[in-house]
């Protein structure tokens, strides 16, 4: 994987783009030709309710490589495989899944692979 040829930095608090959806948002920056997203999912967020209408697919078809900064999330793959991860977890989530926030704390997820097209209308 090649990265850009110059030093760059951007603040996710001032993203290049913000995509909002029910009970959440994705803040996006592009650096060195790569897209990084910080997703914030509020309690009660569920992909199949909040993002499915935007994606127009039966399950999330974006693959994700990321790091959970806060909160907990349950992930269920189309084949029935499931896991729950929380703050401090690095995770690979292949395409074909649903996910939802577990508990009463917002879930904050840094996405290094799937943010480019996530929740994009």
PDB file of N, CA and C in Angstrom:
ATOM      1  N   UNK A   1       0.846  -1.171   0.000  1.00  0.00           N
ATOM      2  CA  UNK A   1       0.000   0.000   0.000  1.00  0.00           C
ATOM      3  C   UNK A   1       0.891   1.234   0.000  1.00  0.00           C
ATOM      4  N   UNK A   2       0.737   2.032  -0.993  1.00  0.00           N
ATOM      5  CA  UNK A   2       1.520   3.264  -1.107  1.00  0.00           C
ATOM      6  C   UNK A   2       0.795   4.387  -0.383  1.00  0.00           C
ATOM      7  N   UNK A   3       1.537   5.218   0.256  1.00  0.00           N
ATOM      8  CA  UNK A   3       0.996   6.390   0.930  1.00  0.00           C
ATOM      9  C   UNK A   3       1.543   7.597   0.188  1.00  0.00           C
ATOM     10  N   UNK A   4       0.915   8.746   0.361  1.00  0.00           N
ATOM     11  CA  UNK A   4       1.344   9.951  -0.338  1.00  0.00           C
ATOM     12  C   UNK A   4       2.829  10.250  -0.152  1.00  0.00           C
ATOM     13  N   UNK A   5       3.327  11.181  -0.945  1.00  0.00           N
ATOM     14  CA  UNK A   5       4.753  11.494  -0.912  1.00  0.00           C
ATOM     15  C   UNK A   5       5.060  12.809  -0.205  1.00  0.00           C
ATOM     16  N   UNK A   6       4.115  13.296   0.601  1.00  0.00           N
ATOM     17  CA  UNK A   6       4.370  14.515   1.368  1.00  0.00           C
ATOM     18  C   UNK A   6       3.682  14.402   2.722  1.00  0.00           C
ATOM     19  N   UNK A   7       4.205  15.116   3.683  1.00  0.00           N
ATOM     20  CA  UNK A   7       3.638  15.135   5.022  1.00  0.00           C
ATOM     21  C   UNK A   7       2.303  15.859   4.982  1.00  0.00           C
ATOM     22  N   UNK A   8       1.284  15.237   5.541  1.00  0.00           N
ATOM     23  CA  UNK A   8      -0.047  15.841   5.615  1.00  0.00           C
ATOM     24  C   UNK A   8      -0.643  15.571   6.978  1.00  0.00           C
ATOM     25  N   UNK A   9      -1.530  16.437   7.418  1.00  0.00           N
ATOM     26  CA  UNK A   9      -2.314  16.180   8.616  1.00  0.00           C
ATOM     27  C   UNK A   9      -3.639  16.904   8.486  1.00  0.00           C
ATOM     28  N   UNK A  10      -4.649  16.325   9.101  1.00  0.00           N
ATOM     29  CA  UNK A  10      -5.975  16.934   9.150  1.00  0.00           C
ATOM     30  C   UNK A  10      -6.606  16.551  10.480  1.00  0.00           C
ATOM     31  N   UNK A  11      -7.493  17.386  10.963  1.00  0.00           N
ATOM     32  CA  UNK A  11      -8.202  17.131  12.205  1.00  0.00           C
ATOM     33  C   UNK A  11      -9.574  16.539  11.891  1.00  0.00           C
ATOM     34  N   UNK A  12      -9.877  15.415  12.520  1.00  0.00           N
ATOM     35  CA  UNK A  12     -11.202  14.818  12.329  1.00  0.00           C
ATOM     36  C   UNK A  12     -12.304  15.688  12.926  1.00  0.00           C
ATOM     37  N   UNK A  13     -11.942  16.627  13.807  1.00  0.00           N
ATOM     38  CA  UNK A  13     -12.937  17.556  14.328  1.00  0.00           C
ATOM     39  C   UNK A  13     -13.317  18.622  13.308  1.00  0.00           C
ATOM     40  N   UNK A  14     -12.523  18.747  12.222  1.00  0.00           N
ATOM     41  CA  UNK A  14     -12.831  19.631  11.092  1.00  0.00           C
ATOM     42  C   UNK A  14     -12.712  18.792   9.823  1.00  0.00           C
ATOM     43  N   UNK A  15     -13.634  17.829   9.633  1.00  0.00           N
ATOM     44  CA  UNK A  15     -13.493  16.870   8.544  1.00  0.00           C
ATOM     45  C   UNK A  15     -13.679  17.491   7.167  1.00  0.00           C
ATOM     46  N   UNK A  16     -13.160  16.788   6.158  1.00  0.00           N
ATOM     47  CA  UNK A  16     -13.412  17.177   4.770  1.00  0.00           C
ATOM     48  C   UNK A  16     -14.893  17.032   4.448  1.00  0.00           C
ATOM     49  N   UNK A  17     -15.514  16.040   5.075  1.00  0.00           N
ATOM     50  CA  UNK A  17     -16.929  15.750   4.819  1.00  0.00           C
ATOM     51  C   UNK A  17     -17.534  15.135   6.066  1.00  0.00           C
ATOM     52  N   UNK A  18     -18.785  15.459   6.327  1.00  0.00           N
ATOM     53  CA  UNK A  18     -19.546  14.816   7.405  1.00  0.00           C
ATOM     54  C   UNK A  18     -20.800  14.222   6.789  1.00  0.00           C
ATOM     55  N   UNK A  19     -20.994  12.933   6.997  1.00  0.00           N
ATOM     56  CA  UNK A  19     -22.207  12.249   6.542  1.00  0.00           C
ATOM     57  C   UNK A  19     -23.039  11.920   7.769  1.00  0.00           C
ATOM     58  N   UNK A  20     -24.208  12.487   7.836  1.00  0.00           N
ATOM     59  CA  UNK A  20     -25.101  12.252   8.962  1.00  0.00           C
ATOM     60  C   UNK A  20     -26.197  11.276   8.576  1.00  0.00           C
ATOM     61  N   UNK A  21     -26.608  10.477   9.530  1.00  0.00           N
ATOM     62  CA  UNK A  21     -27.691   9.515   9.354  1.00  0.00           C
ATOM     63  C   UNK A  21     -28.363   9.371  10.708  1.00  0.00           C
ATOM     64  N   UNK A  22     -29.549   8.774  10.780  1.00  0.00           N
ATOM     65  CA  UNK A  22     -30.226   8.665  12.070  1.00  0.00           C
ATOM     66  C   UNK A  22     -29.328   8.044  13.136  1.00  0.00           C
ATOM     67  N   UNK A  23     -29.202   8.722  14.255  1.00  0.00           N
ATOM     68  CA  UNK A  23     -28.438   8.284  15.423  1.00  0.00           C
ATOM     69  C   UNK A  23     -26.948   8.132  15.165  1.00  0.00           C
ATOM     70  N   UNK A  24     -26.417   8.881  14.172  1.00  0.00           N
ATOM     71  CA  UNK A  24     -24.979   8.781  13.954  1.00  0.00           C
ATOM     72  C   UNK A  24     -24.453   9.692  12.873  1.00  0.00           C
ATOM     73  N   UNK A  25     -23.128   9.605  12.709  1.00  0.00           N
ATOM     74  CA  UNK A  25     -22.462  10.385  11.660  1.00  0.00           C
ATOM     75  C   UNK A  25     -21.109   9.751  11.365  1.00  0.00           C
ATOM     76  N   UNK A  26     -20.577  10.072  10.195  1.00  0.00           N
ATOM     77  CA  UNK A  26     -19.237   9.660   9.788  1.00  0.00           C
ATOM     78  C   UNK A  26     -18.490  10.915   9.385  1.00  0.00           C
ATOM     79  N   UNK A  27     -17.403  11.227  10.107  1.00  0.00           N
ATOM     80  CA  UNK A  27     -16.529  12.352   9.776  1.00  0.00           C
ATOM     81  C   UNK A  27     -15.369  11.795   8.958  1.00  0.00           C
ATOM     82  N   UNK A  28     -15.105  12.404   7.793  1.00  0.00           N
ATOM     83  CA  UNK A  28     -14.168  11.831   6.825  1.00  0.00           C
ATOM     84  C   UNK A  28     -13.074  12.826   6.466  1.00  0.00           C
ATOM     85  N   UNK A  29     -11.834  12.311   6.440  1.00  0.00           N
ATOM     86  CA  UNK A  29     -10.695  13.066   5.916  1.00  0.00           C
ATOM     87  C   UNK A  29      -9.972  12.188   4.901  1.00  0.00           C
ATOM     88  N   UNK A  30      -9.352  12.836   3.927  1.00  0.00           N
ATOM     89  CA  UNK A  30      -8.543  12.121   2.942  1.00  0.00           C
ATOM     90  C   UNK A  30      -7.121  12.641   3.047  1.00  0.00           C
ATOM     91  N   UNK A  31      -6.191  11.701   3.223  1.00  0.00           N
ATOM     92  CA  UNK A  31      -4.769  12.016   3.380  1.00  0.00           C
ATOM     93  C   UNK A  31      -3.960  11.018   2.574  1.00  0.00           C
ATOM     94  N   UNK A  32      -2.980  11.481   1.837  1.00  0.00           N
ATOM     95  CA  UNK A  32      -2.109  10.575   1.102  1.00  0.00           C
ATOM     96  C   UNK A  32      -2.865   9.620   0.197  1.00  0.00           C
ATOM     97  N   UNK A  33      -3.994  10.074  -0.323  1.00  0.00           N
ATOM     98  CA  UNK A  33      -4.803   9.233  -1.190  1.00  0.00           C
ATOM     99  C   UNK A  33      -5.639   8.207  -0.447  1.00  0.00           C
ATOM    100  N   UNK A  34      -5.652   8.250   0.873  1.00  0.00           N
ATOM    101  CA  UNK A  34      -6.431   7.309   1.676  1.00  0.00           C
ATOM    102  C   UNK A  34      -7.542   8.044   2.411  1.00  0.00           C
ATOM    103  N   UNK A  35      -8.656   7.370   2.607  1.00  0.00           N
ATOM    104  CA  UNK A  35      -9.792   7.932   3.318  1.00  0.00           C
ATOM    105  C   UNK A  35      -9.869   7.315   4.710  1.00  0.00           C
ATOM    106  N   UNK A  36      -9.995   8.163   5.711  1.00  0.00           N
ATOM    107  CA  UNK A  36     -10.137   7.717   7.096  1.00  0.00           C
ATOM    108  C   UNK A  36     -11.432   8.312   7.623  1.00  0.00           C
ATOM    109  N   UNK A  37     -12.201   7.487   8.315  1.00  0.00           N
ATOM    110  CA  UNK A  37     -13.453   7.967   8.878  1.00  0.00           C
ATOM    111  C   UNK A  37     -13.512   7.744  10.370  1.00  0.00           C
ATOM    112  N   UNK A  38     -14.171   8.664  11.039  1.00  0.00           N
ATOM    113  CA  UNK A  38     -14.491   8.476  12.456  1.00  0.00           C
ATOM    114  C   UNK A  38     -16.008   8.439  12.555  1.00  0.00           C
ATOM    115  N   UNK A  39     -16.514   7.242  12.860  1.00  0.00           N
ATOM    116  CA  UNK A  39     -17.954   7.070  12.991  1.00  0.00           C
ATOM    117  C   UNK A  39     -18.341   7.222  14.450  1.00  0.00           C
ATOM    118  N   UNK A  40     -19.411   7.960  14.681  1.00  0.00           N
ATOM    119  CA  UNK A  40     -19.988   8.080  16.014  1.00  0.00           C
ATOM    120  C   UNK A  40     -21.412   7.548  15.924  1.00  0.00           C
ATOM    121  N   UNK A  41     -21.668   6.480  16.662  1.00  0.00           N
ATOM    122  CA  UNK A  41     -22.976   5.838  16.675  1.00  0.00           C
ATOM    123  C   UNK A  41     -23.582   6.025  18.061  1.00  0.00           C
ATOM    124  N   UNK A  42     -24.750   6.640  18.120  1.00  0.00           N
ATOM    125  CA  UNK A  42     -25.417   6.896  19.395  1.00  0.00           C
ATOM    126  C   UNK A  42     -26.145   5.638  19.873  1.00  0.00           C
ATOM    127  N   UNK A  43     -26.422   5.550  21.186  1.00  0.00           N
ATOM    128  CA  UNK A  43     -27.214   4.419  21.671  1.00  0.00           C
ATOM    129  C   UNK A  43     -28.508   4.294  20.865  1.00  0.00           C
ATOM    130  N   UNK A  44     -28.863   3.084  20.512  1.00  0.00           N
ATOM    131  CA  UNK A  44     -30.043   2.839  19.680  1.00  0.00           C
ATOM    132  C   UNK A  44     -29.741   2.760  18.196  1.00  0.00           C
ATOM    133  N   UNK A  45     -28.504   3.126  17.783  1.00  0.00           N
ATOM    134  CA  UNK A  45     -28.138   3.020  16.366  1.00  0.00           C
ATOM    135  C   UNK A  45     -28.044   1.561  15.970  1.00  0.00           C
ATOM    136  N   UNK A  46     -28.538   1.263  14.775  1.00  0.00           N
ATOM    137  CA  UNK A  46     -28.420  -0.059  14.165  1.00  0.00           C
ATOM    138  C   UNK A  46     -28.293   0.151  12.661  1.00  0.00           C
ATOM    139  N   UNK A  47     -27.299  -0.504  12.037  1.00  0.00           N
ATOM    140  CA  UNK A  47     -27.068  -0.317  10.605  1.00  0.00           C
ATOM    141  C   UNK A  47     -28.346  -0.557   9.812  1.00  0.00           C
ATOM    142  N   UNK A  48     -29.051  -1.658  10.101  1.00  0.00           N
ATOM    143  CA  UNK A  48     -30.226  -2.030   9.307  1.00  0.00           C
ATOM    144  C   UNK A  48     -31.375  -1.034   9.441  1.00  0.00           C
ATOM    145  N   UNK A  49     -31.326  -0.168  10.421  1.00  0.00           N
ATOM    146  CA  UNK A  49     -32.366   0.858  10.569  1.00  0.00           C
ATOM    147  C   UNK A  49     -31.879   2.243  10.134  1.00  0.00           C
ATOM    148  N   UNK A  50     -30.609   2.549  10.406  1.00  0.00           N
ATOM    149  CA  UNK A  50     -30.107   3.908  10.176  1.00  0.00           C
ATOM    150  C   UNK A  50     -29.413   4.113   8.842  1.00  0.00           C
ATOM    151  N   UNK A  51     -28.722   3.094   8.337  1.00  0.00           N
ATOM    152  CA  UNK A  51     -27.925   3.268   7.119  1.00  0.00           C
ATOM    153  C   UNK A  51     -28.477   2.460   5.944  1.00  0.00           C
ATOM    154  N   UNK A  52     -29.166   1.371   6.214  1.00  0.00           N
ATOM    155  CA  UNK A  52     -29.718   0.533   5.136  1.00  0.00           C
ATOM    156  C   UNK A  52     -30.544   1.341   4.122  1.00  0.00           C
ATOM    157  N   UNK A  53     -31.399   2.279   4.570  1.00  0.00           N
ATOM    158  CA  UNK A  53     -32.145   3.066   3.580  1.00  0.00           C
ATOM    159  C   UNK A  53     -31.246   3.894   2.651  1.00  0.00           C
ATOM    160  N   UNK A  54     -30.067   4.291   3.132  1.00  0.00           N
ATOM    161  CA  UNK A  54     -29.126   5.049   2.306  1.00  0.00           C
ATOM    162  C   UNK A  54     -28.369   4.111   1.371  1.00  0.00           C
ATOM    163  N   UNK A  55     -27.912   2.978   1.914  1.00  0.00           N
ATOM    164  CA  UNK A  55     -27.111   2.024   1.135  1.00  0.00           C
ATOM    165  C   UNK A  55     -27.940   1.248   0.123  1.00  0.00           C
ATOM    166  N   UNK A  56     -29.217   1.029   0.432  1.00  0.00           N
ATOM    167  CA  UNK A  56     -30.120   0.263  -0.431  1.00  0.00           C
ATOM    168  C   UNK A  56     -29.598  -1.153  -0.690  1.00  0.00           C
ATOM    169  N   UNK A  57     -29.024  -1.775   0.341  1.00  0.00           N
ATOM    170  CA  UNK A  57     -28.597  -3.182   0.288  1.00  0.00           C
ATOM    171  C   UNK A  57     -29.166  -3.874   1.518  1.00  0.00           C
ATOM    172  N   UNK A  58     -29.248  -5.196   1.470  1.00  0.00           N
ATOM    173  CA  UNK A  58     -29.822  -5.947   2.591  1.00  0.00           C
ATOM    174  C   UNK A  58     -28.934  -5.934   3.828  1.00  0.00           C
ATOM    175  N   UNK A  59     -27.632  -5.854   3.627  1.00  0.00           N
ATOM    176  CA  UNK A  59     -26.682  -5.766   4.735  1.00  0.00           C
ATOM    177  C   UNK A  59     -25.564  -4.815   4.318  1.00  0.00           C
ATOM    178  N   UNK A  60     -24.728  -4.427   5.260  1.00  0.00           N
ATOM    179  CA  UNK A  60     -23.638  -3.502   4.944  1.00  0.00           C
ATOM    180  C   UNK A  60     -22.637  -4.200   4.037  1.00  0.00           C
ATOM    181  N   UNK A  61     -22.399  -3.637   2.878  1.00  0.00           N
ATOM    182  CA  UNK A  61     -21.480  -4.220   1.900  1.00  0.00           C
ATOM    183  C   UNK A  61     -20.118  -3.528   1.910  1.00  0.00           C
ATOM    184  N   UNK A  62     -19.899  -2.658   2.889  1.00  0.00           N
ATOM    185  CA  UNK A  62     -18.578  -2.039   3.058  1.00  0.00           C
ATOM    186  C   UNK A  62     -17.756  -2.917   3.986  1.00  0.00           C
ATOM    187  N   UNK A  63     -16.527  -3.194   3.614  1.00  0.00           N
ATOM    188  CA  UNK A  63     -15.610  -3.864   4.519  1.00  0.00           C
ATOM    189  C   UNK A  63     -14.945  -2.806   5.387  1.00  0.00           C
ATOM    190  N   UNK A  64     -14.635  -3.160   6.616  1.00  0.00           N
ATOM    191  CA  UNK A  64     -14.050  -2.189   7.535  1.00  0.00           C
ATOM    192  C   UNK A  64     -12.798  -2.760   8.192  1.00  0.00           C
ATOM    193  N   UNK A  65     -11.822  -1.920   8.347  1.00  0.00           N
ATOM    194  CA  UNK A  65     -10.629  -2.206   9.140  1.00  0.00           C
ATOM    195  C   UNK A  65     -10.519  -1.043  10.093  1.00  0.00           C
ATOM    196  N   UNK A  66     -10.671  -1.297  11.380  1.00  0.00           N
ATOM    197  CA  UNK A  66     -10.727  -0.154  12.263  1.00  0.00           C
ATOM    198  C   UNK A  66     -10.371  -0.427  13.692  1.00  0.00           C
ATOM    199  N   UNK A  67     -10.561   0.620  14.482  1.00  0.00           N
ATOM    200  CA  UNK A  67     -10.215   0.607  15.896  1.00  0.00           C
ATOM    201  C   UNK A  67     -11.340   1.276  16.678  1.00  0.00           C
ATOM    202  N   UNK A  68     -11.842   0.587  17.689  1.00  0.00           N
ATOM    203  CA  UNK A  68     -12.930   1.088  18.515  1.00  0.00           C
ATOM    204  C   UNK A  68     -12.365   1.978  19.614  1.00  0.00           C
ATOM    205  N   UNK A  69     -12.717   3.251  19.583  1.00  0.00           N
ATOM    206  CA  UNK A  69     -12.242   4.210  20.585  1.00  0.00           C
ATOM    207  C   UNK A  69     -13.102   4.220  21.840  1.00  0.00           C
ATOM    208  N   UNK A  70     -14.410   4.010  21.683  1.00  0.00           N
ATOM    209  CA  UNK A  70     -15.328   4.088  22.816  1.00  0.00           C
ATOM    210  C   UNK A  70     -16.562   3.253  22.532  1.00  0.00           C
ATOM    211  N   UNK A  71     -17.241   2.820  23.582  1.00  0.00           N
ATOM    212  CA  UNK A  71     -18.499   2.112  23.450  1.00  0.00           C
ATOM    213  C   UNK A  71     -18.328   0.655  23.078  1.00  0.00           C
ATOM    214  N   UNK A  72     -19.477   0.018  22.799  1.00  0.00           N
ATOM    215  CA  UNK A  72     -19.511  -1.395  22.411  1.00  0.00           C
ATOM    216  C   UNK A  72     -20.419  -1.571  21.207  1.00  0.00           C
ATOM    217  N   UNK A  73     -20.085  -2.541  20.366  1.00  0.00           N
ATOM    218  CA  UNK A  73     -20.852  -2.827  19.161  1.00  0.00           C
ATOM    219  C   UNK A  73     -20.987  -4.333  18.973  1.00  0.00           C
ATOM    220  N   UNK A  74     -22.167  -4.759  18.608  1.00  0.00           N
ATOM    221  CA  UNK A  74     -22.433  -6.149  18.228  1.00  0.00           C
ATOM    222  C   UNK A  74     -22.422  -6.195  16.709  1.00  0.00           C
ATOM    223  N   UNK A  75     -21.730  -7.190  16.143  1.00  0.00           N
ATOM    224  CA  UNK A  75     -21.630  -7.353  14.693  1.00  0.00           C
ATOM    225  C   UNK A  75     -22.091  -8.760  14.359  1.00  0.00           C
ATOM    226  N   UNK A  76     -23.025  -8.872  13.416  1.00  0.00           N
ATOM    227  CA  UNK A  76     -23.525 -10.168  12.976  1.00  0.00           C
ATOM    228  C   UNK A  76     -23.367 -10.246  11.465  1.00  0.00           C
ATOM    229  N   UNK A  77     -22.584 -11.246  11.025  1.00  0.00           N
ATOM    230  CA  UNK A  77     -22.348 -11.459   9.603  1.00  0.00           C
ATOM    231  C   UNK A  77     -23.557 -12.146   8.968  1.00  0.00           C
ATOM    232  N   UNK A  78     -23.688 -12.014   7.655  1.00  0.00           N
ATOM    233  CA  UNK A  78     -24.788 -12.659   6.931  1.00  0.00           C
ATOM    234  C   UNK A  78     -24.809 -14.164   7.145  1.00  0.00           C
ATOM    235  N   UNK A  79     -23.644 -14.780   7.385  1.00  0.00           N
ATOM    236  CA  UNK A  79     -23.582 -16.233   7.596  1.00  0.00           C
ATOM    237  C   UNK A  79     -23.874 -16.633   9.036  1.00  0.00           C
ATOM    238  N   UNK A  80     -24.215 -15.655   9.910  1.00  0.00           N
ATOM    239  CA  UNK A  80     -24.553 -15.941  11.290  1.00  0.00           C
ATOM    240  C   UNK A  80     -23.402 -15.782  12.277  1.00  0.00           C
ATOM    241  N   UNK A  81     -22.169 -15.663  11.778  1.00  0.00           N
ATOM    242  CA  UNK A  81     -21.035 -15.427  12.660  1.00  0.00           C
ATOM    243  C   UNK A  81     -21.242 -14.089  13.369  1.00  0.00           C
ATOM    244  N   UNK A  82     -20.936 -14.041  14.662  1.00  0.00           N
ATOM    245  CA  UNK A  82     -21.148 -12.796  15.390  1.00  0.00           C
ATOM    246  C   UNK A  82     -20.062 -12.571  16.419  1.00  0.00           C
ATOM    247  N   UNK A  83     -19.909 -11.317  16.785  1.00  0.00           N
ATOM    248  CA  UNK A  83     -18.975 -10.933  17.838  1.00  0.00           C
ATOM    249  C   UNK A  83     -19.456  -9.634  18.452  1.00  0.00           C
ATOM    250  N   UNK A  84     -18.887  -9.317  19.589  1.00  0.00           N
ATOM    251  CA  UNK A  84     -19.120  -8.029  20.221  1.00  0.00           C
ATOM    252  C   UNK A  84     -17.748  -7.461  20.559  1.00  0.00           C
ATOM    253  N   UNK A  85     -17.526  -6.204  20.216  1.00  0.00           N
ATOM    254  CA  UNK A  85     -16.228  -5.598  20.509  1.00  0.00           C
ATOM    255  C   UNK A  85     -16.444  -4.251  21.172  1.00  0.00           C
ATOM    256  N   UNK A  86     -15.407  -3.808  21.868  1.00  0.00           N
ATOM    257  CA  UNK A  86     -15.514  -2.562  22.597  1.00  0.00           C
ATOM    258  C   UNK A  86     -14.244  -1.749  22.510  1.00  0.00           C
ATOM    259  N   UNK A  87     -14.213  -0.689  23.281  1.00  0.00           N
ATOM    260  CA  UNK A  87     -13.078   0.231  23.293  1.00  0.00           C
ATOM    261  C   UNK A  87     -11.769  -0.535  23.422  1.00  0.00           C
ATOM    262  N   UNK A  88     -10.807  -0.165  22.577  1.00  0.00           N
ATOM    263  CA  UNK A  88      -9.507  -0.822  22.580  1.00  0.00           C
ATOM    264  C   UNK A  88      -9.402  -1.982  21.623  1.00  0.00           C
ATOM    265  N   UNK A  89     -10.486  -2.316  20.924  1.00  0.00           N
ATOM    266  CA  UNK A  89     -10.483  -3.441  19.979  1.00  0.00           C
ATOM    267  C   UNK A  89     -10.131  -2.977  18.576  1.00  0.00           C
ATOM    268  N   UNK A  90      -9.218  -3.713  17.947  1.00  0.00           N
ATOM    269  CA  UNK A  90      -8.977  -3.563  16.509  1.00  0.00           C
ATOM    270  C   UNK A  90      -9.804  -4.652  15.843  1.00  0.00           C
ATOM    271  N   UNK A  91     -10.428  -4.332  14.716  1.00  0.00           N
ATOM    272  CA  UNK A  91     -11.360  -5.287  14.115  1.00  0.00           C
ATOM    273  C   UNK A  91     -11.347  -5.197  12.597  1.00  0.00           C
ATOM    274  N   UNK A  92     -11.494  -6.359  11.958  1.00  0.00           N
ATOM    275  CA  UNK A  92     -11.734  -6.462  10.522  1.00  0.00           C
ATOM    276  C   UNK A  92     -13.160  -6.977  10.375  1.00  0.00           C
ATOM    277  N   UNK A  93     -13.978  -6.248   9.619  1.00  0.00           N
ATOM    278  CA  UNK A  93     -15.365  -6.636   9.387  1.00  0.00           C
ATOM    279  C   UNK A  93     -15.552  -6.759   7.880  1.00  0.00           C
ATOM    280  N   UNK A  94     -15.684  -7.984   7.353  1.00  0.00           N
ATOM    281  CA  UNK A  94     -15.889  -8.153   5.917  1.00  0.00           C
ATOM    282  C   UNK A  94     -17.259  -7.623   5.483  1.00  0.00           C
ATOM    283  N   UNK A  95     -17.446  -7.391   4.190  1.00  0.00           N
ATOM    284  CA  UNK A  95     -18.775  -7.016   3.694  1.00  0.00           C
ATOM    285  C   UNK A  95     -19.802  -8.092   4.047  1.00  0.00           C
ATOM    286  N   UNK A  96     -21.049  -7.649   4.214  1.00  0.00           N
ATOM    287  CA  UNK A  96     -22.136  -8.574   4.505  1.00  0.00           C
ATOM    288  C   UNK A  96     -22.404  -8.705   5.986  1.00  0.00           C
ATOM    289  N   UNK A  97     -22.820  -7.606   6.628  1.00  0.00           N
ATOM    290  CA  UNK A  97     -23.054  -7.647   8.066  1.00  0.00           C
ATOM    291  C   UNK A  97     -24.093  -6.612   8.484  1.00  0.00           C
ATOM    292  N   UNK A  98     -24.605  -6.810   9.671  1.00  0.00           N
ATOM    293  CA  UNK A  98     -25.397  -5.807  10.379  1.00  0.00           C
ATOM    294  C   UNK A  98     -24.631  -5.519  11.662  1.00  0.00           C
ATOM    295  N   UNK A  99     -24.872  -4.393  12.279  1.00  0.00           N
ATOM    296  CA  UNK A  99     -24.198  -4.047  13.513  1.00  0.00           C
ATOM    297  C   UNK A  99     -25.069  -3.067  14.281  1.00  0.00           C
ATOM    298  N   UNK A 100     -24.884  -3.052  15.618  1.00  0.00           N
ATOM    299  CA  UNK A 100     -25.626  -2.125  16.439  1.00  0.00           C
ATOM    300  C   UNK A 100     -24.871  -1.815  17.722  1.00  0.00           C
ATOM    301  N   UNK A 101     -25.211  -0.655  18.298  1.00  0.00           N
ATOM    302  CA  UNK A 101     -24.605  -0.209  19.545  1.00  0.00           C
ATOM    303  C   UNK A 101     -25.185  -1.040  20.685  1.00  0.00           C
ATOM    304  N   UNK A 102     -24.306  -1.472  21.570  1.00  0.00           N
ATOM    305  CA  UNK A 102     -24.701  -2.209  22.767  1.00  0.00           C
ATOM    306  C   UNK A 102     -24.539  -1.264  23.954  1.00  0.00           C
ATOM    307  N   UNK A 103     -25.571  -1.117  24.743  1.00  0.00           N
ATOM    308  CA  UNK A 103     -25.485  -0.292  25.942  1.00  0.00           C
ATOM    309  C   UNK A 103     -25.890   1.148  25.705  1.00  0.00           C
ATOM    310  N   UNK A 104     -25.565   1.980  26.698  1.00  0.00           N
ATOM    311  CA  UNK A 104     -26.014   3.376  26.698  1.00  0.00           C
ATOM    312  C   UNK A 104     -24.915   4.380  26.400  1.00  0.00           C
ATOM    313  N   UNK A 105     -23.763   3.910  25.946  1.00  0.00           N
ATOM    314  CA  UNK A 105     -22.645   4.788  25.627  1.00  0.00           C
ATOM    315  C   UNK A 105     -22.486   4.877  24.109  1.00  0.00           C
ATOM    316  N   UNK A 106     -22.226   6.064  23.575  1.00  0.00           N
ATOM    317  CA  UNK A 106     -21.959   6.153  22.135  1.00  0.00           C
ATOM    318  C   UNK A 106     -20.764   5.275  21.752  1.00  0.00           C
ATOM    319  N   UNK A 107     -20.806   4.743  20.566  1.00  0.00           N
ATOM    320  CA  UNK A 107     -19.720   3.936  20.022  1.00  0.00           C
ATOM    321  C   UNK A 107     -18.960   4.811  19.025  1.00  0.00           C
ATOM    322  N   UNK A 108     -17.645   4.921  19.214  1.00  0.00           N
ATOM    323  CA  UNK A 108     -16.812   5.732  18.324  1.00  0.00           C
ATOM    324  C   UNK A 108     -15.794   4.802  17.691  1.00  0.00           C
ATOM    325  N   UNK A 109     -15.771   4.784  16.354  1.00  0.00           N
ATOM    326  CA  UNK A 109     -14.993   3.813  15.591  1.00  0.00           C
ATOM    327  C   UNK A 109     -14.159   4.526  14.534  1.00  0.00           C
ATOM    328  N   UNK A 110     -12.841   4.313  14.545  1.00  0.00           N
ATOM    329  CA  UNK A 110     -11.979   4.814  13.470  1.00  0.00           C
ATOM    330  C   UNK A 110     -11.953   3.766  12.366  1.00  0.00           C
ATOM    331  N   UNK A 111     -12.295   4.163  11.154  1.00  0.00           N
ATOM    332  CA  UNK A 111     -12.389   3.249  10.018  1.00  0.00           C
ATOM    333  C   UNK A 111     -11.320   3.612   8.999  1.00  0.00           C
ATOM    334  N   UNK A 112     -10.377   2.706   8.796  1.00  0.00           N
ATOM    335  CA  UNK A 112      -9.264   2.948   7.877  1.00  0.00           C
ATOM    336  C   UNK A 112      -9.491   2.335   6.503  1.00  0.00           C
ATOM    337  N   UNK A 113     -10.606   1.620   6.309  1.00  0.00           N
ATOM    338  CA  UNK A 113     -10.814   0.961   5.034  1.00  0.00           C
ATOM    339  C   UNK A 113     -12.178   1.224   4.415  1.00  0.00           C
ATOM    340  N   UNK A 114     -13.250   1.312   5.190  1.00  0.00           N
ATOM    341  CA  UNK A 114     -14.577   1.346   4.605  1.00  0.00           C
ATOM    342  C   UNK A 114     -15.271   2.689   4.569  1.00  0.00           C
ATOM    343  N   UNK A 115     -14.605   3.743   4.960  1.00  0.00           N
ATOM    344  CA  UNK A 115     -15.275   5.042   5.100  1.00  0.00           C
ATOM    345  C   UNK A 115     -15.569   5.739   3.779  1.00  0.00           C
ATOM    346  N   UNK A 116     -14.802   5.444   2.756  1.00  0.00           N
ATOM    347  CA  UNK A 116     -14.929   6.188   1.500  1.00  0.00           C
ATOM    348  C   UNK A 116     -16.345   6.202   0.953  1.00  0.00           C
ATOM    349  N   UNK A 117     -17.032   5.060   1.006  1.00  0.00           N
ATOM    350  CA  UNK A 117     -18.386   4.974   0.430  1.00  0.00           C
ATOM    351  C   UNK A 117     -19.472   4.777   1.480  1.00  0.00           C
ATOM    352  N   UNK A 118     -19.110   4.747   2.750  1.00  0.00           N
ATOM    353  CA  UNK A 118     -20.073   4.464   3.817  1.00  0.00           C
ATOM    354  C   UNK A 118     -21.123   5.565   3.914  1.00  0.00           C
ATOM    355  N   UNK A 119     -22.393   5.156   3.929  1.00  0.00           N
ATOM    356  CA  UNK A 119     -23.534   6.073   4.100  1.00  0.00           C
ATOM    357  C   UNK A 119     -23.504   7.213   3.096  1.00  0.00           C
ATOM    358  N   UNK A 120     -23.013   6.929   1.918  1.00  0.00           N
ATOM    359  CA  UNK A 120     -22.940   7.947   0.860  1.00  0.00           C
ATOM    360  C   UNK A 120     -24.158   7.783  -0.043  1.00  0.00           C
ATOM    361  N   UNK A 121     -24.922   8.881  -0.174  1.00  0.00           N
ATOM    362  CA  UNK A 121     -26.104   8.793  -1.026  1.00  0.00           C
ATOM    363  C   UNK A 121     -25.798   9.187  -2.442  1.00  0.00           C
TER     364      UNK A 121
END
